[in-house]
Amino acid sequence: MNSRLKYRAFTLIELLVVISIIALLIG
């Protein structure tokens, strides 16, 4: 279960990073 939660958290963090990069490029 921990592995699954970690994987999900990692995915969320990656999504956040991608959004941040896009925001910086647009801004």
PDB file of N, CA and C in Angstrom:
ATOM      1  N   MET A   1       0.836  -1.200   0.000  1.00  0.00           N
ATOM      2  CA  MET A   1       0.000   0.000   0.000  1.00  0.00           C
ATOM      3  C   MET A   1       0.874   1.255   0.000  1.00  0.00           C
ATOM      4  N   ASN A   2       1.950   1.206   0.775  1.00  0.00           N
ATOM      5  CA  ASN A   2       2.847   2.356   0.827  1.00  0.00           C
ATOM      6  C   ASN A   2       3.424   2.650  -0.551  1.00  0.00           C
ATOM      7  N   SER A   3       3.816   1.596  -1.255  1.00  0.00           N
ATOM      8  CA  SER A   3       4.396   1.765  -2.586  1.00  0.00           C
ATOM      9  C   SER A   3       3.383   2.433  -3.505  1.00  0.00           C
ATOM     10  N   ARG A   4       2.137   1.993  -3.413  1.00  0.00           N
ATOM     11  CA  ARG A   4       1.098   2.555  -4.271  1.00  0.00           C
ATOM     12  C   ARG A   4       0.914   4.042  -3.950  1.00  0.00           C
ATOM     13  N   LEU A   5       0.866   4.368  -2.675  1.00  0.00           N
ATOM     14  CA  LEU A   5       0.675   5.758  -2.278  1.00  0.00           C
ATOM     15  C   LEU A   5       1.858   6.597  -2.739  1.00  0.00           C
ATOM     16  N   LYS A   6       3.054   6.041  -2.601  1.00  0.00           N
ATOM     17  CA  LYS A   6       4.258   6.761  -3.016  1.00  0.00           C
ATOM     18  C   LYS A   6       4.212   7.032  -4.516  1.00  0.00           C
ATOM     19  N   TYR A   7       3.820   6.004  -5.271  1.00  0.00           N
ATOM     20  CA  TYR A   7       3.749   6.150  -6.730  1.00  0.00           C
ATOM     21  C   TYR A   7       2.753   7.246  -7.099  1.00  0.00           C
ATOM     22  N   ARG A   8       1.608   7.253  -6.412  1.00  0.00           N
ATOM     23  CA  ARG A   8       0.578   8.249  -6.694  1.00  0.00           C
ATOM     24  C   ARG A   8       1.094   9.644  -6.340  1.00  0.00           C
ATOM     25  N   ALA A   9       1.766   9.756  -5.203  1.00  0.00           N
ATOM     26  CA  ALA A   9       2.303  11.047  -4.767  1.00  0.00           C
ATOM     27  C   ALA A   9       3.334  11.542  -5.775  1.00  0.00           C
ATOM     28  N   PHE A  10       4.185  10.628  -6.243  1.00  0.00           N
ATOM     29  CA  PHE A  10       5.219  11.001  -7.207  1.00  0.00           C
ATOM     30  C   PHE A  10       4.574  11.532  -8.480  1.00  0.00           C
ATOM     31  N   THR A  11       3.494  10.878  -8.895  1.00  0.00           N
ATOM     32  CA  THR A  11       2.796  11.318 -10.102  1.00  0.00           C
ATOM     33  C   THR A  11       2.241  12.717  -9.898  1.00  0.00           C
ATOM     34  N   LEU A  12       1.664  12.965  -8.731  1.00  0.00           N
ATOM     35  CA  LEU A  12       1.099  14.283  -8.443  1.00  0.00           C
ATOM     36  C   LEU A  12       2.187  15.339  -8.463  1.00  0.00           C
ATOM     37  N   ILE A  13       3.338  15.021  -7.881  1.00  0.00           N
ATOM     38  CA  ILE A  13       4.452  15.973  -7.845  1.00  0.00           C
ATOM     39  C   ILE A  13       4.919  16.261  -9.270  1.00  0.00           C
ATOM     40  N   GLU A  14       5.031  15.223 -10.087  1.00  0.00           N
ATOM     41  CA  GLU A  14       5.462  15.413 -11.477  1.00  0.00           C
ATOM     42  C   GLU A  14       4.489  16.319 -12.207  1.00  0.00           C
ATOM     43  N   LEU A  15       3.192  16.093 -11.999  1.00  0.00           N
ATOM     44  CA  LEU A  15       2.179  16.928 -12.637  1.00  0.00           C
ATOM     45  C   LEU A  15       2.335  18.377 -12.203  1.00  0.00           C
ATOM     46  N   LEU A  16       2.571  18.584 -10.907  1.00  0.00           N
ATOM     47  CA  LEU A  16       2.741  19.933 -10.380  1.00  0.00           C
ATOM     48  C   LEU A  16       3.945  20.608 -11.012  1.00  0.00           C
ATOM     49  N   VAL A  17       5.034  19.880 -11.155  1.00  0.00           N
ATOM     50  CA  VAL A  17       6.254  20.431 -11.754  1.00  0.00           C
ATOM     51  C   VAL A  17       5.994  20.826 -13.199  1.00  0.00           C
ATOM     52  N   VAL A  18       5.325  19.958 -13.936  1.00  0.00           N
ATOM     53  CA  VAL A  18       5.017  20.252 -15.341  1.00  0.00           C
ATOM     54  C   VAL A  18       4.164  21.506 -15.435  1.00  0.00           C
ATOM     55  N   ILE A  19       3.155  21.619 -14.585  1.00  0.00           N
ATOM     56  CA  ILE A  19       2.280  22.792 -14.588  1.00  0.00           C
ATOM     57  C   ILE A  19       3.092  24.044 -14.281  1.00  0.00           C
ATOM     58  N   SER A  20       4.005  23.942 -13.323  1.00  0.00           N
ATOM     59  CA  SER A  20       4.840  25.092 -12.954  1.00  0.00           C
ATOM     60  C   SER A  20       5.692  25.534 -14.134  1.00  0.00           C
ATOM     61  N   ILE A  21       6.287  24.585 -14.837  1.00  0.00           N
ATOM     62  CA  ILE A  21       7.128  24.916 -15.996  1.00  0.00           C
ATOM     63  C   ILE A  21       6.287  25.596 -17.072  1.00  0.00           C
ATOM     64  N   ILE A  22       5.106  25.066 -17.329  1.00  0.00           N
ATOM     65  CA  ILE A  22       4.225  25.651 -18.343  1.00  0.00           C
ATOM     66  C   ILE A  22       3.846  27.070 -17.931  1.00  0.00           C
ATOM     67  N   ALA A  23       3.526  27.255 -16.655  1.00  0.00           N
ATOM     68  CA  ALA A  23       3.158  28.581 -16.155  1.00  0.00           C
ATOM     69  C   ALA A  23       4.312  29.559 -16.352  1.00  0.00           C
ATOM     70  N   LEU A  24       5.529  29.106 -16.083  1.00  0.00           N
ATOM     71  CA  LEU A  24       6.705  29.968 -16.251  1.00  0.00           C
ATOM     72  C   LEU A  24       6.893  30.324 -17.723  1.00  0.00           C
ATOM     73  N   LEU A  25       6.718  29.354 -18.593  1.00  0.00           N
ATOM     74  CA  LEU A  25       6.868  29.595 -20.038  1.00  0.00           C
ATOM     75  C   LEU A  25       5.820  30.592 -20.517  1.00  0.00           C
ATOM     76  N   ILE A  26       4.592  30.444 -20.045  1.00  0.00           N
ATOM     77  CA  ILE A  26       3.514  31.353 -20.452  1.00  0.00           C
ATOM     78  C   ILE A  26       3.764  32.738 -19.854  1.00  0.00           C
ATOM     79  N   GLY A  27       4.133  32.738 -18.570  1.00  0.00           N
ATOM     80  CA  GLY A  27       4.349  34.009 -17.861  1.00  0.00           C
ATOM     81  C   GLY A  27       5.553  34.706 -18.425  1.00  0.00           C
TER      82      GLY A  27
END
